[in-house]
Amino acid sequence: MAFFSRIPALLVLFVVLAGCQDKKAPPAASAKPADAPAAAANNAVTTAPTVASTPLSGDGKVGVHECDAYLTLYRTCIETKVPPSDQPRYREAYTQGLTALQKAANGMGNTAKLAESCGMAREAAKSALAKFGCDEF
């Protein structure tokens, strides 16, 4: 039962951590400055489709209306507005949050607390994803 009391904090933590992770500096390039634009263009071509073409796991459903609505909005934002370079951390937060919610929903008889937790997570996501223009929350 202690796990279920931590759901609100876990969901908010997933959203906040996704938005606050520092980007790692790319390794120093050994290419000549004249080669830098070509190298950057080649890198963009190879990395962007990989991120965008990797579907998020699961069906995104928990069985609690508030949670399903929150997860749908979060997923839509990630897939349509978050730049490919930022998507991996938000996708990871989504997947972890979905897994935690599904476990909680399967173990709870009363879903009112879970619905409340998803409302809190939605508010946290609203703030964290506003910088990408995700104003549907």
N, C-alpha and C. Protein backbone atom coordinates (compact mmCIF):
# COMPACT_ATOMS: atom_id res chain seq x y z
N MET A 1 0.82 -1.19 0.00
CA MET A 1 0.00 0.00 0.00
C MET A 1 0.87 1.26 0.00
N ALA A 2 2.08 1.17 0.50
CA ALA A 2 2.96 2.34 0.54
C ALA A 2 3.29 2.81 -0.86
N PHE A 3 3.38 1.89 -1.82
CA PHE A 3 3.67 2.27 -3.21
C PHE A 3 2.60 3.21 -3.75
N PHE A 4 1.33 2.92 -3.46
CA PHE A 4 0.23 3.70 -3.98
C PHE A 4 0.20 5.11 -3.41
N SER A 5 0.66 5.28 -2.20
CA SER A 5 0.68 6.62 -1.62
C SER A 5 1.78 7.49 -2.24
N ARG A 6 2.70 6.86 -2.95
CA ARG A 6 3.80 7.60 -3.59
C ARG A 6 3.52 7.94 -5.05
N ILE A 7 2.43 7.47 -5.60
CA ILE A 7 2.12 7.69 -7.01
C ILE A 7 2.13 9.17 -7.37
N PRO A 8 1.47 10.08 -6.62
CA PRO A 8 1.51 11.49 -7.03
C PRO A 8 2.93 12.03 -7.12
N ALA A 9 3.74 11.72 -6.14
CA ALA A 9 5.11 12.22 -6.15
C ALA A 9 5.91 11.62 -7.30
N LEU A 10 5.70 10.35 -7.59
CA LEU A 10 6.42 9.71 -8.69
C LEU A 10 6.06 10.33 -10.02
N LEU A 11 4.78 10.56 -10.26
CA LEU A 11 4.35 11.13 -11.53
C LEU A 11 4.91 12.53 -11.72
N VAL A 12 4.82 13.35 -10.71
CA VAL A 12 5.35 14.71 -10.80
C VAL A 12 6.85 14.65 -11.00
N LEU A 13 7.52 13.74 -10.31
CA LEU A 13 8.97 13.60 -10.44
C LEU A 13 9.35 13.22 -11.87
N PHE A 14 8.63 12.31 -12.50
CA PHE A 14 8.93 11.91 -13.88
C PHE A 14 8.84 13.11 -14.81
N VAL A 15 7.79 13.90 -14.66
CA VAL A 15 7.59 15.05 -15.54
C VAL A 15 8.67 16.09 -15.32
N VAL A 16 8.94 16.39 -14.06
CA VAL A 16 9.93 17.41 -13.75
C VAL A 16 11.32 16.99 -14.18
N LEU A 17 11.69 15.75 -13.92
CA LEU A 17 13.01 15.29 -14.31
C LEU A 17 13.20 15.32 -15.82
N ALA A 18 12.18 14.99 -16.55
CA ALA A 18 12.28 15.02 -18.01
C ALA A 18 12.55 16.44 -18.48
N GLY A 19 11.93 17.40 -17.85
CA GLY A 19 12.12 18.79 -18.26
C GLY A 19 13.39 19.42 -17.74
N CYS A 20 13.97 18.86 -16.71
CA CYS A 20 15.13 19.49 -16.08
C CYS A 20 16.46 18.83 -16.38
N GLN A 21 16.46 17.71 -17.06
CA GLN A 21 17.72 17.03 -17.32
C GLN A 21 18.63 17.92 -18.16
N ASP A 22 19.88 17.96 -17.75
CA ASP A 22 20.87 18.71 -18.53
C ASP A 22 21.21 17.93 -19.77
N LYS A 23 21.37 18.68 -20.85
CA LYS A 23 21.85 18.05 -22.06
C LYS A 23 23.34 17.83 -21.93
N LYS A 24 23.78 16.65 -22.31
CA LYS A 24 25.20 16.37 -22.26
C LYS A 24 25.87 17.06 -23.44
N ALA A 25 27.03 17.61 -23.18
CA ALA A 25 27.78 18.27 -24.25
C ALA A 25 28.26 17.21 -25.22
N PRO A 26 28.15 17.49 -26.52
CA PRO A 26 28.63 16.52 -27.49
C PRO A 26 30.14 16.38 -27.40
N PRO A 27 30.67 15.21 -27.75
CA PRO A 27 32.10 15.05 -27.69
C PRO A 27 32.78 15.99 -28.68
N ALA A 28 34.00 16.34 -28.36
CA ALA A 28 34.75 17.26 -29.23
C ALA A 28 34.91 16.64 -30.60
N ALA A 29 34.62 17.44 -31.61
CA ALA A 29 34.71 16.95 -32.99
C ALA A 29 36.15 17.05 -33.48
N SER A 30 36.56 16.04 -34.22
CA SER A 30 37.90 16.06 -34.77
C SER A 30 37.90 16.56 -36.20
N ALA A 31 36.69 16.87 -36.74
CA ALA A 31 36.61 17.36 -38.11
C ALA A 31 37.10 18.79 -38.20
N LYS A 32 37.56 19.16 -39.37
CA LYS A 32 37.99 20.53 -39.62
C LYS A 32 36.76 21.42 -39.59
N PRO A 33 36.92 22.72 -39.25
CA PRO A 33 35.77 23.62 -39.21
C PRO A 33 34.98 23.63 -40.52
N ALA A 34 35.63 23.51 -41.66
CA ALA A 34 34.92 23.51 -42.93
C ALA A 34 34.03 22.28 -43.07
N ASP A 35 34.38 21.18 -42.38
CA ASP A 35 33.60 19.96 -42.45
C ASP A 35 32.43 19.94 -41.45
N ALA A 36 32.41 20.89 -40.54
CA ALA A 36 31.40 20.89 -39.49
C ALA A 36 29.97 20.94 -40.02
N PRO A 37 29.62 21.81 -40.97
CA PRO A 37 28.23 21.82 -41.45
C PRO A 37 27.83 20.48 -42.08
N ALA A 38 28.72 19.86 -42.83
CA ALA A 38 28.39 18.58 -43.45
C ALA A 38 28.21 17.51 -42.37
N ALA A 39 29.07 17.52 -41.37
CA ALA A 39 28.97 16.54 -40.29
C ALA A 39 27.66 16.74 -39.52
N ALA A 40 27.31 18.00 -39.25
CA ALA A 40 26.06 18.29 -38.54
C ALA A 40 24.86 17.85 -39.36
N ALA A 41 24.90 18.11 -40.66
CA ALA A 41 23.79 17.71 -41.52
C ALA A 41 23.66 16.19 -41.56
N ASN A 42 24.77 15.49 -41.67
CA ASN A 42 24.72 14.03 -41.68
C ASN A 42 24.19 13.50 -40.36
N ASN A 43 24.60 14.09 -39.26
CA ASN A 43 24.14 13.67 -37.94
C ASN A 43 22.65 13.90 -37.80
N ALA A 44 22.15 15.05 -38.24
CA ALA A 44 20.73 15.34 -38.14
C ALA A 44 19.91 14.35 -38.96
N VAL A 45 20.42 13.98 -40.10
CA VAL A 45 19.70 13.06 -40.97
C VAL A 45 19.60 11.68 -40.33
N THR A 46 20.66 11.25 -39.65
CA THR A 46 20.64 9.91 -39.10
C THR A 46 19.94 9.82 -37.75
N THR A 47 19.91 10.89 -36.95
CA THR A 47 19.31 10.77 -35.63
C THR A 47 17.84 11.13 -35.58
N ALA A 48 17.39 12.12 -36.32
CA ALA A 48 16.00 12.55 -36.22
C ALA A 48 15.01 11.46 -36.59
N PRO A 49 15.17 10.75 -37.72
CA PRO A 49 14.19 9.72 -38.05
C PRO A 49 14.14 8.59 -37.04
N THR A 50 15.27 8.26 -36.44
CA THR A 50 15.29 7.17 -35.47
C THR A 50 14.40 7.49 -34.28
N VAL A 51 14.50 8.71 -33.74
CA VAL A 51 13.70 9.10 -32.59
C VAL A 51 12.23 9.17 -32.97
N ALA A 52 11.93 9.82 -34.08
CA ALA A 52 10.55 10.02 -34.47
C ALA A 52 9.87 8.72 -34.87
N SER A 53 10.63 7.77 -35.42
CA SER A 53 10.01 6.55 -35.89
C SER A 53 9.86 5.49 -34.81
N THR A 54 10.43 5.71 -33.65
CA THR A 54 10.32 4.75 -32.56
C THR A 54 9.03 5.03 -31.80
N PRO A 55 8.04 4.15 -31.92
CA PRO A 55 6.77 4.41 -31.24
C PRO A 55 6.90 4.25 -29.74
N LEU A 56 6.08 5.01 -29.03
CA LEU A 56 6.05 4.86 -27.58
C LEU A 56 5.39 3.53 -27.26
N SER A 57 5.90 2.88 -26.22
CA SER A 57 5.40 1.55 -25.88
C SER A 57 4.04 1.62 -25.20
N GLY A 58 3.32 0.54 -25.29
CA GLY A 58 2.03 0.42 -24.62
C GLY A 58 0.93 1.16 -25.35
N ASP A 59 -0.29 0.90 -24.90
CA ASP A 59 -1.44 1.55 -25.54
C ASP A 59 -1.77 2.88 -24.87
N GLY A 60 -1.06 3.22 -23.80
CA GLY A 60 -1.28 4.49 -23.13
C GLY A 60 -2.56 4.55 -22.32
N LYS A 61 -3.10 3.41 -21.97
CA LYS A 61 -4.36 3.37 -21.23
C LYS A 61 -4.15 2.78 -19.84
N VAL A 62 -4.86 3.39 -18.88
CA VAL A 62 -4.79 2.95 -17.50
C VAL A 62 -6.15 2.45 -17.04
N GLY A 63 -7.20 3.00 -17.62
CA GLY A 63 -8.55 2.61 -17.22
C GLY A 63 -9.19 3.60 -16.27
N VAL A 64 -8.50 4.70 -16.00
CA VAL A 64 -9.02 5.78 -15.17
C VAL A 64 -9.07 7.01 -16.08
N HIS A 65 -10.25 7.57 -16.26
CA HIS A 65 -10.45 8.63 -17.24
C HIS A 65 -9.42 9.76 -17.14
N GLU A 66 -9.19 10.27 -15.95
CA GLU A 66 -8.26 11.38 -15.76
C GLU A 66 -6.84 11.00 -16.18
N CYS A 67 -6.46 9.78 -15.88
CA CYS A 67 -5.11 9.31 -16.23
C CYS A 67 -4.98 9.10 -17.73
N ASP A 68 -6.01 8.51 -18.33
CA ASP A 68 -5.97 8.28 -19.77
C ASP A 68 -5.92 9.60 -20.53
N ALA A 69 -6.68 10.60 -20.07
CA ALA A 69 -6.67 11.92 -20.71
C ALA A 69 -5.29 12.56 -20.58
N TYR A 70 -4.72 12.51 -19.38
CA TYR A 70 -3.39 13.07 -19.15
C TYR A 70 -2.35 12.39 -20.04
N LEU A 71 -2.35 11.07 -20.09
CA LEU A 71 -1.37 10.34 -20.89
C LEU A 71 -1.52 10.62 -22.38
N THR A 72 -2.74 10.77 -22.84
CA THR A 72 -2.97 11.08 -24.25
C THR A 72 -2.40 12.46 -24.59
N LEU A 73 -2.65 13.45 -23.75
CA LEU A 73 -2.13 14.80 -23.99
C LEU A 73 -0.61 14.81 -23.94
N TYR A 74 -0.04 14.12 -22.98
CA TYR A 74 1.42 14.08 -22.83
C TYR A 74 2.05 13.42 -24.06
N ARG A 75 1.49 12.31 -24.46
CA ARG A 75 2.02 11.57 -25.62
C ARG A 75 1.90 12.40 -26.90
N THR A 76 0.76 13.05 -27.10
CA THR A 76 0.56 13.89 -28.28
C THR A 76 1.57 15.02 -28.31
N CYS A 77 1.81 15.63 -27.18
CA CYS A 77 2.79 16.71 -27.11
C CYS A 77 4.18 16.22 -27.49
N ILE A 78 4.57 15.10 -26.94
CA ILE A 78 5.89 14.54 -27.23
C ILE A 78 6.03 14.27 -28.72
N GLU A 79 5.03 13.64 -29.29
CA GLU A 79 5.12 13.21 -30.68
C GLU A 79 4.96 14.34 -31.69
N THR A 80 4.31 15.44 -31.30
CA THR A 80 4.04 16.49 -32.28
C THR A 80 4.79 17.79 -32.06
N LYS A 81 5.20 18.08 -30.83
CA LYS A 81 5.78 19.40 -30.57
C LYS A 81 7.17 19.39 -29.96
N VAL A 82 7.53 18.34 -29.27
CA VAL A 82 8.86 18.28 -28.66
C VAL A 82 9.88 17.99 -29.75
N PRO A 83 10.93 18.80 -29.84
CA PRO A 83 11.95 18.58 -30.87
C PRO A 83 12.60 17.20 -30.72
N PRO A 84 12.99 16.60 -31.84
CA PRO A 84 13.59 15.26 -31.79
C PRO A 84 14.77 15.16 -30.82
N SER A 85 15.54 16.22 -30.68
CA SER A 85 16.69 16.17 -29.78
C SER A 85 16.28 16.06 -28.30
N ASP A 86 15.08 16.51 -27.98
CA ASP A 86 14.59 16.47 -26.60
C ASP A 86 13.66 15.28 -26.33
N GLN A 87 13.22 14.61 -27.38
CA GLN A 87 12.23 13.55 -27.22
C GLN A 87 12.66 12.37 -26.34
N PRO A 88 13.90 11.90 -26.42
CA PRO A 88 14.23 10.70 -25.63
C PRO A 88 13.92 10.83 -24.15
N ARG A 89 14.25 11.93 -23.51
CA ARG A 89 14.00 12.04 -22.07
C ARG A 89 12.51 12.14 -21.76
N TYR A 90 11.74 12.78 -22.63
CA TYR A 90 10.30 12.87 -22.40
C TYR A 90 9.62 11.54 -22.68
N ARG A 91 10.11 10.82 -23.66
CA ARG A 91 9.58 9.48 -23.95
C ARG A 91 9.84 8.54 -22.76
N GLU A 92 11.02 8.65 -22.19
CA GLU A 92 11.36 7.82 -21.03
C GLU A 92 10.45 8.15 -19.85
N ALA A 93 10.23 9.43 -19.61
CA ALA A 93 9.34 9.84 -18.52
C ALA A 93 7.92 9.34 -18.76
N TYR A 94 7.48 9.42 -20.00
CA TYR A 94 6.14 8.93 -20.35
C TYR A 94 6.03 7.43 -20.06
N THR A 95 7.01 6.67 -20.53
CA THR A 95 6.98 5.22 -20.37
C THR A 95 7.01 4.83 -18.89
N GLN A 96 7.86 5.49 -18.12
CA GLN A 96 7.93 5.18 -16.69
C GLN A 96 6.63 5.55 -15.98
N GLY A 97 6.08 6.71 -16.32
CA GLY A 97 4.82 7.14 -15.72
C GLY A 97 3.68 6.21 -16.07
N LEU A 98 3.61 5.80 -17.33
CA LEU A 98 2.57 4.88 -17.78
C LEU A 98 2.66 3.56 -17.03
N THR A 99 3.86 3.03 -16.91
CA THR A 99 4.06 1.76 -16.20
C THR A 99 3.63 1.88 -14.74
N ALA A 100 4.02 2.96 -14.08
CA ALA A 100 3.64 3.16 -12.68
C ALA A 100 2.13 3.28 -12.52
N LEU A 101 1.50 4.00 -13.43
CA LEU A 101 0.04 4.16 -13.36
C LEU A 101 -0.69 2.84 -13.61
N GLN A 102 -0.21 2.09 -14.58
CA GLN A 102 -0.84 0.80 -14.87
C GLN A 102 -0.73 -0.15 -13.68
N LYS A 103 0.44 -0.17 -13.05
CA LYS A 103 0.60 -1.02 -11.86
C LYS A 103 -0.32 -0.57 -10.74
N ALA A 104 -0.41 0.73 -10.55
CA ALA A 104 -1.27 1.26 -9.49
C ALA A 104 -2.73 0.96 -9.78
N ALA A 105 -3.15 1.14 -11.02
CA ALA A 105 -4.55 0.89 -11.37
C ALA A 105 -4.92 -0.58 -11.19
N ASN A 106 -3.99 -1.46 -11.47
CA ASN A 106 -4.25 -2.89 -11.32
C ASN A 106 -4.31 -3.32 -9.86
N GLY A 107 -3.71 -2.56 -8.97
CA GLY A 107 -3.66 -2.94 -7.57
C GLY A 107 -4.62 -2.19 -6.68
N MET A 108 -5.37 -1.25 -7.24
CA MET A 108 -6.26 -0.43 -6.42
C MET A 108 -7.72 -0.80 -6.67
N GLY A 109 -8.48 -0.82 -5.60
CA GLY A 109 -9.92 -0.98 -5.75
C GLY A 109 -10.58 0.37 -5.96
N ASN A 110 -10.09 1.38 -5.26
CA ASN A 110 -10.61 2.73 -5.34
C ASN A 110 -9.68 3.57 -6.20
N THR A 111 -10.17 4.02 -7.33
CA THR A 111 -9.31 4.77 -8.26
C THR A 111 -9.39 6.28 -8.07
N ALA A 112 -10.14 6.75 -7.07
CA ALA A 112 -10.26 8.19 -6.85
C ALA A 112 -8.90 8.82 -6.54
N LYS A 113 -8.11 8.16 -5.76
CA LYS A 113 -6.77 8.68 -5.42
C LYS A 113 -5.89 8.71 -6.66
N LEU A 114 -5.99 7.71 -7.49
CA LEU A 114 -5.22 7.66 -8.72
C LEU A 114 -5.64 8.79 -9.67
N ALA A 115 -6.93 9.04 -9.76
CA ALA A 115 -7.43 10.14 -10.59
C ALA A 115 -6.88 11.47 -10.09
N GLU A 116 -6.83 11.64 -8.79
CA GLU A 116 -6.28 12.86 -8.20
C GLU A 116 -4.79 12.99 -8.53
N SER A 117 -4.07 11.89 -8.47
CA SER A 117 -2.65 11.89 -8.79
C SER A 117 -2.41 12.29 -10.25
N CYS A 118 -3.26 11.81 -11.13
CA CYS A 118 -3.11 12.15 -12.55
C CYS A 118 -3.42 13.62 -12.79
N GLY A 119 -4.33 14.17 -12.01
CA GLY A 119 -4.61 15.61 -12.10
C GLY A 119 -3.38 16.42 -11.70
N MET A 120 -2.69 15.98 -10.66
CA MET A 120 -1.46 16.66 -10.23
C MET A 120 -0.37 16.52 -11.29
N ALA A 121 -0.25 15.34 -11.86
CA ALA A 121 0.75 15.11 -12.90
C ALA A 121 0.45 15.96 -14.13
N ARG A 122 -0.80 16.11 -14.45
CA ARG A 122 -1.21 16.92 -15.60
C ARG A 122 -0.81 18.38 -15.39
N GLU A 123 -1.00 18.88 -14.19
CA GLU A 123 -0.60 20.27 -13.89
C GLU A 123 0.92 20.43 -13.99
N ALA A 124 1.65 19.44 -13.51
CA ALA A 124 3.12 19.50 -13.60
C ALA A 124 3.56 19.44 -15.06
N ALA A 125 2.92 18.61 -15.84
CA ALA A 125 3.26 18.50 -17.26
C ALA A 125 2.93 19.79 -17.99
N LYS A 126 1.85 20.41 -17.61
CA LYS A 126 1.45 21.68 -18.23
C LYS A 126 2.58 22.70 -18.12
N SER A 127 3.17 22.80 -16.96
CA SER A 127 4.28 23.73 -16.76
C SER A 127 5.54 23.28 -17.47
N ALA A 128 5.85 21.99 -17.36
CA ALA A 128 7.09 21.47 -17.93
C ALA A 128 7.10 21.50 -19.45
N LEU A 129 5.95 21.33 -20.08
CA LEU A 129 5.88 21.23 -21.54
C LEU A 129 5.43 22.51 -22.22
N ALA A 130 5.14 23.55 -21.45
CA ALA A 130 4.70 24.82 -22.03
C ALA A 130 5.74 25.41 -22.98
N LYS A 131 7.01 25.19 -22.68
CA LYS A 131 8.07 25.75 -23.52
C LYS A 131 8.05 25.20 -24.94
N PHE A 132 7.37 24.07 -25.15
CA PHE A 132 7.27 23.47 -26.47
C PHE A 132 5.96 23.85 -27.17
N GLY A 133 5.15 24.65 -26.51
CA GLY A 133 3.87 25.05 -27.09
C GLY A 133 2.78 24.04 -26.87
N CYS A 134 2.94 23.19 -25.88
CA CYS A 134 1.92 22.20 -25.55
C CYS A 134 0.93 22.84 -24.59
N ASP A 135 -0.03 23.56 -25.14
CA ASP A 135 -0.98 24.29 -24.30
C ASP A 135 -2.33 23.60 -24.17
N GLU A 136 -2.41 22.36 -24.62
CA GLU A 136 -3.67 21.61 -24.54
C GLU A 136 -3.99 21.13 -23.13
N PHE A 137 -3.02 21.16 -22.25
CA PHE A 137 -3.23 20.65 -20.90
C PHE A 137 -4.23 21.52 -20.18
